[in-house]
Amino acid sequence: MSVSVVVYVLTFLGAVVVALTRLRLGRSEEGGARRVDVGPTWLLAHTVLGSLAVLVWLVFLIGPEDSVPGDPLVGIVALGLWWGTAIAGLMILVRWLPSKGRHAVEVPEDSWSSGPGLSLLAHLGMVVGVAVFTWAYWTAAV
């Protein structure tokens, strides 16, 4: 399989992670704070950086090499946005760390879709995907 095909597939998966994170964590079910609530700042940063990363990265990938969209600087900006998205995603994962102390809330049992499994897969996968993007850019594979 070609490196560029892998990059396009990972780009699509990155867009899915950004969209699903927004859909999954952007709604408040009970209005009160719970153990797995995410602050609006990290979620907004993840959504904005991720959306811009997908757009700028696709412009870079699709643009001809001898044009402004295909300029290496556009690729560097896109990679910076991807890394920002990955870091925001990792900060969102922090909510699953066990808490200790007198006022710690017991962790409820979760299913695959509502527990940390899906978030871990998505956001650790995002870090790996961004590392692949960086490698592909560095080696001029894209």
N, C-alpha and C. Protein backbone atom coordinates (compact mmCIF):
# COMPACT_ATOMS: atom_id res chain seq x y z
N MET A 1 0.85 -1.18 0.00
CA MET A 1 0.00 0.00 0.00
C MET A 1 0.89 1.24 0.00
N SER A 2 0.54 2.20 -0.78
CA SER A 2 1.30 3.43 -0.93
C SER A 2 1.21 4.29 0.34
N VAL A 3 2.29 5.03 0.61
CA VAL A 3 2.30 5.92 1.78
C VAL A 3 1.21 6.97 1.65
N SER A 4 0.99 7.48 0.45
CA SER A 4 -0.03 8.52 0.29
C SER A 4 -1.43 7.99 0.58
N VAL A 5 -1.69 6.72 0.26
CA VAL A 5 -3.00 6.13 0.58
C VAL A 5 -3.16 6.05 2.09
N VAL A 6 -2.12 5.63 2.78
CA VAL A 6 -2.16 5.56 4.24
C VAL A 6 -2.41 6.95 4.83
N VAL A 7 -1.75 7.96 4.29
CA VAL A 7 -1.92 9.33 4.78
C VAL A 7 -3.36 9.79 4.57
N TYR A 8 -3.95 9.51 3.42
CA TYR A 8 -5.34 9.91 3.17
C TYR A 8 -6.30 9.17 4.10
N VAL A 9 -6.07 7.89 4.35
CA VAL A 9 -6.93 7.13 5.26
C VAL A 9 -6.81 7.68 6.68
N LEU A 10 -5.58 7.96 7.12
CA LEU A 10 -5.39 8.52 8.45
C LEU A 10 -5.98 9.92 8.57
N THR A 11 -5.96 10.67 7.48
CA THR A 11 -6.60 11.99 7.48
C THR A 11 -8.09 11.86 7.70
N PHE A 12 -8.71 10.91 6.99
CA PHE A 12 -10.14 10.66 7.17
C PHE A 12 -10.43 10.23 8.61
N LEU A 13 -9.63 9.32 9.14
CA LEU A 13 -9.84 8.85 10.51
C LEU A 13 -9.64 9.99 11.52
N GLY A 14 -8.69 10.86 11.27
CA GLY A 14 -8.49 12.03 12.14
C GLY A 14 -9.71 12.93 12.13
N ALA A 15 -10.30 13.13 10.96
CA ALA A 15 -11.52 13.94 10.87
C ALA A 15 -12.66 13.29 11.65
N VAL A 16 -12.76 11.98 11.57
CA VAL A 16 -13.79 11.25 12.31
C VAL A 16 -13.59 11.40 13.81
N VAL A 17 -12.34 11.30 14.28
CA VAL A 17 -12.06 11.46 15.71
C VAL A 17 -12.46 12.85 16.18
N VAL A 18 -12.13 13.87 15.41
CA VAL A 18 -12.48 15.24 15.79
C VAL A 18 -14.01 15.40 15.86
N ALA A 19 -14.70 14.91 14.85
CA ALA A 19 -16.16 15.05 14.82
C ALA A 19 -16.83 14.26 15.94
N LEU A 20 -16.42 13.01 16.13
CA LEU A 20 -17.06 12.18 17.16
C LEU A 20 -16.75 12.67 18.57
N THR A 21 -15.55 13.20 18.78
CA THR A 21 -15.23 13.76 20.10
C THR A 21 -16.15 14.93 20.39
N ARG A 22 -16.37 15.76 19.40
CA ARG A 22 -17.27 16.91 19.58
C ARG A 22 -18.69 16.45 19.86
N LEU A 23 -19.16 15.48 19.09
CA LEU A 23 -20.52 14.99 19.29
C LEU A 23 -20.68 14.29 20.63
N ARG A 24 -19.70 13.49 21.00
CA ARG A 24 -19.80 12.69 22.22
C ARG A 24 -19.65 13.52 23.49
N LEU A 25 -18.76 14.48 23.48
CA LEU A 25 -18.49 15.24 24.69
C LEU A 25 -19.13 16.62 24.70
N GLY A 26 -19.67 17.05 23.59
CA GLY A 26 -20.26 18.37 23.50
C GLY A 26 -21.65 18.48 24.10
N ARG A 27 -22.25 17.37 24.38
CA ARG A 27 -23.61 17.42 24.94
C ARG A 27 -23.56 17.10 26.43
N SER A 28 -24.36 17.79 27.17
CA SER A 28 -24.43 17.56 28.61
C SER A 28 -25.73 16.82 28.89
N GLU A 29 -25.62 15.65 29.50
CA GLU A 29 -26.81 14.83 29.71
C GLU A 29 -27.62 15.25 30.92
N GLU A 30 -26.97 15.60 32.03
CA GLU A 30 -27.71 15.89 33.24
C GLU A 30 -27.49 17.32 33.72
N GLY A 31 -26.65 18.06 33.08
CA GLY A 31 -26.43 19.44 33.47
C GLY A 31 -25.45 19.61 34.62
N GLY A 32 -25.25 18.62 35.46
CA GLY A 32 -24.33 18.73 36.59
C GLY A 32 -22.96 18.20 36.24
N ALA A 33 -22.00 18.55 37.06
CA ALA A 33 -20.65 18.06 36.83
C ALA A 33 -20.57 16.59 37.19
N ARG A 34 -19.89 15.84 36.36
CA ARG A 34 -19.65 14.42 36.63
C ARG A 34 -18.17 14.17 36.51
N ARG A 35 -17.74 13.00 36.84
CA ARG A 35 -16.32 12.66 36.83
C ARG A 35 -15.73 12.74 35.42
N VAL A 36 -16.49 12.42 34.41
CA VAL A 36 -15.95 12.38 33.06
C VAL A 36 -16.25 13.63 32.24
N ASP A 37 -16.70 14.69 32.90
CA ASP A 37 -16.94 15.94 32.17
C ASP A 37 -15.63 16.52 31.67
N VAL A 38 -15.69 17.16 30.53
CA VAL A 38 -14.53 17.80 29.94
C VAL A 38 -14.81 19.29 29.94
N GLY A 39 -13.82 20.05 30.33
CA GLY A 39 -13.99 21.49 30.30
C GLY A 39 -14.20 21.98 28.87
N PRO A 40 -14.95 23.05 28.71
CA PRO A 40 -15.24 23.53 27.35
C PRO A 40 -14.01 24.03 26.61
N THR A 41 -12.98 24.45 27.31
CA THR A 41 -11.78 24.98 26.65
C THR A 41 -11.06 23.90 25.86
N TRP A 42 -10.82 22.73 26.48
CA TRP A 42 -10.11 21.65 25.78
C TRP A 42 -10.94 21.11 24.62
N LEU A 43 -12.23 21.00 24.82
CA LEU A 43 -13.09 20.49 23.76
C LEU A 43 -13.14 21.48 22.59
N LEU A 44 -13.23 22.76 22.89
CA LEU A 44 -13.23 23.78 21.83
C LEU A 44 -11.89 23.79 21.10
N ALA A 45 -10.79 23.70 21.86
CA ALA A 45 -9.47 23.68 21.22
C ALA A 45 -9.34 22.46 20.32
N HIS A 46 -9.79 21.31 20.80
CA HIS A 46 -9.73 20.08 20.00
C HIS A 46 -10.54 20.22 18.72
N THR A 47 -11.73 20.78 18.83
CA THR A 47 -12.60 20.92 17.66
C THR A 47 -12.05 21.93 16.65
N VAL A 48 -11.64 23.09 17.13
CA VAL A 48 -11.15 24.14 16.23
C VAL A 48 -9.82 23.73 15.59
N LEU A 49 -8.88 23.28 16.40
CA LEU A 49 -7.59 22.87 15.85
C LEU A 49 -7.75 21.68 14.90
N GLY A 50 -8.60 20.73 15.29
CA GLY A 50 -8.81 19.55 14.44
C GLY A 50 -9.45 19.90 13.11
N SER A 51 -10.45 20.76 13.15
CA SER A 51 -11.11 21.17 11.90
C SER A 51 -10.15 21.91 10.98
N LEU A 52 -9.38 22.84 11.56
CA LEU A 52 -8.39 23.56 10.76
C LEU A 52 -7.30 22.62 10.25
N ALA A 53 -6.89 21.66 11.08
CA ALA A 53 -5.85 20.71 10.66
C ALA A 53 -6.32 19.91 9.45
N VAL A 54 -7.54 19.41 9.50
CA VAL A 54 -8.06 18.62 8.37
C VAL A 54 -8.10 19.48 7.11
N LEU A 55 -8.63 20.69 7.22
CA LEU A 55 -8.75 21.56 6.04
C LEU A 55 -7.39 21.93 5.46
N VAL A 56 -6.48 22.42 6.30
CA VAL A 56 -5.17 22.87 5.81
C VAL A 56 -4.37 21.68 5.28
N TRP A 57 -4.44 20.53 5.97
CA TRP A 57 -3.72 19.34 5.53
C TRP A 57 -4.23 18.86 4.17
N LEU A 58 -5.54 18.84 3.98
CA LEU A 58 -6.09 18.43 2.69
C LEU A 58 -5.71 19.41 1.58
N VAL A 59 -5.72 20.70 1.88
CA VAL A 59 -5.28 21.70 0.89
C VAL A 59 -3.83 21.42 0.51
N PHE A 60 -2.99 21.12 1.49
CA PHE A 60 -1.59 20.81 1.22
C PHE A 60 -1.44 19.54 0.39
N LEU A 61 -2.18 18.50 0.75
CA LEU A 61 -2.06 17.22 0.04
C LEU A 61 -2.56 17.32 -1.40
N ILE A 62 -3.63 18.04 -1.61
CA ILE A 62 -4.26 18.12 -2.94
C ILE A 62 -3.57 19.15 -3.83
N GLY A 63 -3.02 20.20 -3.22
CA GLY A 63 -2.42 21.29 -4.00
C GLY A 63 -1.17 20.85 -4.75
N PRO A 64 -1.00 21.35 -5.97
CA PRO A 64 0.22 21.05 -6.73
C PRO A 64 1.46 21.59 -6.01
N GLU A 65 2.58 20.91 -6.18
CA GLU A 65 3.80 21.28 -5.46
C GLU A 65 4.30 22.68 -5.81
N ASP A 66 4.04 23.14 -7.02
CA ASP A 66 4.54 24.44 -7.45
C ASP A 66 3.52 25.56 -7.24
N SER A 67 2.56 25.36 -6.33
CA SER A 67 1.56 26.38 -6.04
C SER A 67 1.59 26.73 -4.56
N VAL A 68 0.88 27.79 -4.20
CA VAL A 68 0.80 28.21 -2.79
C VAL A 68 0.20 27.12 -1.90
N PRO A 69 -0.90 26.46 -2.29
CA PRO A 69 -1.43 25.40 -1.41
C PRO A 69 -0.47 24.24 -1.21
N GLY A 70 0.40 23.97 -2.17
CA GLY A 70 1.36 22.88 -2.05
C GLY A 70 2.69 23.29 -1.45
N ASP A 71 2.78 24.54 -1.00
CA ASP A 71 4.01 25.07 -0.43
C ASP A 71 4.37 24.31 0.86
N PRO A 72 5.65 24.05 1.10
CA PRO A 72 6.05 23.34 2.33
C PRO A 72 5.61 24.04 3.61
N LEU A 73 5.51 25.36 3.60
CA LEU A 73 5.07 26.09 4.78
C LEU A 73 3.63 25.73 5.15
N VAL A 74 2.79 25.50 4.15
CA VAL A 74 1.40 25.08 4.40
C VAL A 74 1.40 23.72 5.10
N GLY A 75 2.28 22.84 4.67
CA GLY A 75 2.39 21.53 5.31
C GLY A 75 2.85 21.64 6.75
N ILE A 76 3.79 22.54 7.02
CA ILE A 76 4.28 22.73 8.38
C ILE A 76 3.17 23.29 9.28
N VAL A 77 2.40 24.25 8.76
CA VAL A 77 1.27 24.79 9.52
C VAL A 77 0.26 23.70 9.81
N ALA A 78 -0.03 22.87 8.82
CA ALA A 78 -0.99 21.77 9.01
C ALA A 78 -0.48 20.80 10.06
N LEU A 79 0.80 20.46 10.02
CA LEU A 79 1.36 19.55 11.03
C LEU A 79 1.28 20.16 12.43
N GLY A 80 1.53 21.45 12.53
CA GLY A 80 1.40 22.12 13.83
C GLY A 80 -0.01 22.05 14.36
N LEU A 81 -0.98 22.22 13.46
CA LEU A 81 -2.39 22.10 13.87
C LEU A 81 -2.73 20.67 14.29
N TRP A 82 -2.19 19.69 13.56
CA TRP A 82 -2.42 18.29 13.93
C TRP A 82 -1.84 17.99 15.30
N TRP A 83 -0.61 18.46 15.56
CA TRP A 83 0.01 18.21 16.87
C TRP A 83 -0.78 18.89 17.97
N GLY A 84 -1.28 20.09 17.71
CA GLY A 84 -2.13 20.78 18.70
C GLY A 84 -3.40 20.00 18.98
N THR A 85 -3.99 19.43 17.94
CA THR A 85 -5.19 18.60 18.10
C THR A 85 -4.88 17.36 18.93
N ALA A 86 -3.76 16.72 18.64
CA ALA A 86 -3.38 15.51 19.38
C ALA A 86 -3.14 15.83 20.85
N ILE A 87 -2.49 16.94 21.14
CA ILE A 87 -2.24 17.32 22.53
C ILE A 87 -3.56 17.63 23.24
N ALA A 88 -4.45 18.35 22.58
CA ALA A 88 -5.76 18.62 23.18
C ALA A 88 -6.52 17.32 23.44
N GLY A 89 -6.41 16.36 22.53
CA GLY A 89 -7.04 15.06 22.73
C GLY A 89 -6.47 14.32 23.92
N LEU A 90 -5.16 14.39 24.09
CA LEU A 90 -4.54 13.75 25.26
C LEU A 90 -4.98 14.43 26.55
N MET A 91 -5.16 15.74 26.52
CA MET A 91 -5.64 16.44 27.71
C MET A 91 -7.09 16.05 28.02
N ILE A 92 -7.86 15.76 26.98
CA ILE A 92 -9.22 15.27 27.20
C ILE A 92 -9.18 13.89 27.87
N LEU A 93 -8.19 13.08 27.51
CA LEU A 93 -8.06 11.75 28.12
C LEU A 93 -7.76 11.82 29.61
N VAL A 94 -7.21 12.92 30.08
CA VAL A 94 -6.85 13.05 31.49
C VAL A 94 -8.07 12.84 32.39
N ARG A 95 -9.25 13.10 31.89
CA ARG A 95 -10.45 12.95 32.71
C ARG A 95 -10.68 11.52 33.16
N TRP A 96 -10.03 10.56 32.51
CA TRP A 96 -10.21 9.15 32.87
C TRP A 96 -9.19 8.69 33.90
N LEU A 97 -8.23 9.53 34.25
CA LEU A 97 -7.27 9.12 35.27
C LEU A 97 -7.99 8.91 36.59
N PRO A 98 -7.57 7.92 37.35
CA PRO A 98 -8.23 7.68 38.64
C PRO A 98 -7.96 8.83 39.60
N SER A 99 -8.97 9.19 40.34
CA SER A 99 -8.80 10.25 41.33
C SER A 99 -8.79 9.63 42.72
N LYS A 100 -8.05 10.27 43.60
CA LYS A 100 -7.94 9.79 44.97
C LYS A 100 -8.27 10.93 45.91
N GLY A 101 -8.65 10.58 47.08
CA GLY A 101 -8.92 11.60 48.07
C GLY A 101 -10.30 11.43 48.69
N ARG A 102 -10.57 12.27 49.64
CA ARG A 102 -11.80 12.18 50.41
C ARG A 102 -13.04 12.40 49.55
N HIS A 103 -12.95 13.29 48.58
CA HIS A 103 -14.13 13.65 47.78
C HIS A 103 -14.14 12.99 46.41
N ALA A 104 -13.30 11.99 46.22
CA ALA A 104 -13.23 11.30 44.93
C ALA A 104 -14.53 10.53 44.70
N VAL A 105 -14.96 10.54 43.47
CA VAL A 105 -16.20 9.87 43.08
C VAL A 105 -15.84 8.49 42.55
N GLU A 106 -16.60 7.48 42.94
CA GLU A 106 -16.37 6.13 42.45
C GLU A 106 -16.66 6.07 40.97
N VAL A 107 -15.81 5.37 40.23
CA VAL A 107 -15.96 5.27 38.78
C VAL A 107 -17.10 4.31 38.46
N PRO A 108 -18.10 4.76 37.69
CA PRO A 108 -19.17 3.85 37.30
C PRO A 108 -18.69 2.88 36.22
N GLU A 109 -19.34 1.75 36.13
CA GLU A 109 -19.03 0.80 35.06
C GLU A 109 -19.51 1.39 33.74
N ASP A 110 -18.67 1.30 32.73
CA ASP A 110 -18.99 1.88 31.43
C ASP A 110 -18.96 0.81 30.36
N SER A 111 -19.72 1.06 29.30
CA SER A 111 -19.65 0.19 28.14
C SER A 111 -18.53 0.69 27.23
N TRP A 112 -18.21 -0.05 26.19
CA TRP A 112 -17.15 0.32 25.26
C TRP A 112 -17.37 1.71 24.68
N SER A 113 -18.60 2.03 24.33
CA SER A 113 -18.86 3.31 23.67
C SER A 113 -18.89 4.49 24.61
N SER A 114 -19.08 4.27 25.91
CA SER A 114 -19.15 5.41 26.81
C SER A 114 -18.00 5.45 27.80
N GLY A 115 -17.15 4.46 27.81
CA GLY A 115 -16.03 4.43 28.73
C GLY A 115 -14.76 4.94 28.09
N PRO A 116 -13.64 4.71 28.74
CA PRO A 116 -12.37 5.24 28.23
C PRO A 116 -11.81 4.49 27.03
N GLY A 117 -12.31 3.29 26.74
CA GLY A 117 -11.73 2.48 25.67
C GLY A 117 -11.76 3.17 24.32
N LEU A 118 -12.90 3.70 23.94
CA LEU A 118 -13.03 4.37 22.65
C LEU A 118 -12.17 5.63 22.60
N SER A 119 -12.16 6.40 23.69
CA SER A 119 -11.35 7.62 23.73
C SER A 119 -9.87 7.29 23.66
N LEU A 120 -9.44 6.25 24.38
CA LEU A 120 -8.04 5.85 24.31
C LEU A 120 -7.64 5.43 22.90
N LEU A 121 -8.45 4.60 22.29
CA LEU A 121 -8.17 4.16 20.93
C LEU A 121 -8.09 5.34 19.98
N ALA A 122 -9.05 6.23 20.07
CA ALA A 122 -9.10 7.37 19.14
C ALA A 122 -7.94 8.33 19.34
N HIS A 123 -7.68 8.72 20.57
CA HIS A 123 -6.69 9.77 20.79
C HIS A 123 -5.25 9.26 20.78
N LEU A 124 -5.02 8.05 21.22
CA LEU A 124 -3.68 7.50 21.07
C LEU A 124 -3.43 7.17 19.59
N GLY A 125 -4.47 6.74 18.90
CA GLY A 125 -4.37 6.54 17.46
C GLY A 125 -4.10 7.84 16.73
N MET A 126 -4.67 8.93 17.23
CA MET A 126 -4.43 10.25 16.64
C MET A 126 -2.96 10.63 16.77
N VAL A 127 -2.37 10.36 17.92
CA VAL A 127 -0.94 10.67 18.11
C VAL A 127 -0.09 9.86 17.13
N VAL A 128 -0.41 8.59 16.98
CA VAL A 128 0.33 7.74 16.02
C VAL A 128 0.12 8.27 14.60
N GLY A 129 -1.11 8.63 14.27
CA GLY A 129 -1.40 9.16 12.93
C GLY A 129 -0.64 10.44 12.64
N VAL A 130 -0.58 11.33 13.61
CA VAL A 130 0.16 12.59 13.42
C VAL A 130 1.65 12.31 13.30
N ALA A 131 2.15 11.32 14.02
CA ALA A 131 3.55 10.94 13.86
C ALA A 131 3.81 10.41 12.44
N VAL A 132 2.86 9.65 11.90
CA VAL A 132 2.98 9.17 10.51
C VAL A 132 2.94 10.35 9.55
N PHE A 133 2.05 11.32 9.79
CA PHE A 133 2.01 12.52 8.93
C PHE A 133 3.36 13.23 8.95
N THR A 134 3.91 13.38 10.14
CA THR A 134 5.19 14.07 10.28
C THR A 134 6.29 13.32 9.55
N TRP A 135 6.32 12.00 9.71
CA TRP A 135 7.32 11.18 9.01
C TRP A 135 7.15 11.29 7.48
N ALA A 136 5.89 11.22 7.03
CA ALA A 136 5.63 11.30 5.58
C ALA A 136 6.04 12.65 5.02
N TYR A 137 5.81 13.71 5.79
CA TYR A 137 6.23 15.05 5.35
C TYR A 137 7.75 15.15 5.33
N TRP A 138 8.38 14.69 6.41
CA TRP A 138 9.83 14.79 6.55
C TRP A 138 10.56 14.03 5.44
N THR A 139 10.04 12.87 5.07
CA THR A 139 10.69 12.06 4.03
C THR A 139 10.18 12.41 2.63
N ALA A 140 9.37 13.44 2.51
CA ALA A 140 8.81 13.89 1.23
C ALA A 140 7.98 12.83 0.55
N ALA A 141 7.32 11.99 1.34
CA ALA A 141 6.43 10.98 0.77
C ALA A 141 5.09 11.58 0.36
N VAL A 142 4.79 12.76 0.89
CA VAL A 142 3.56 13.47 0.51
C VAL A 142 3.91 14.85 0.05
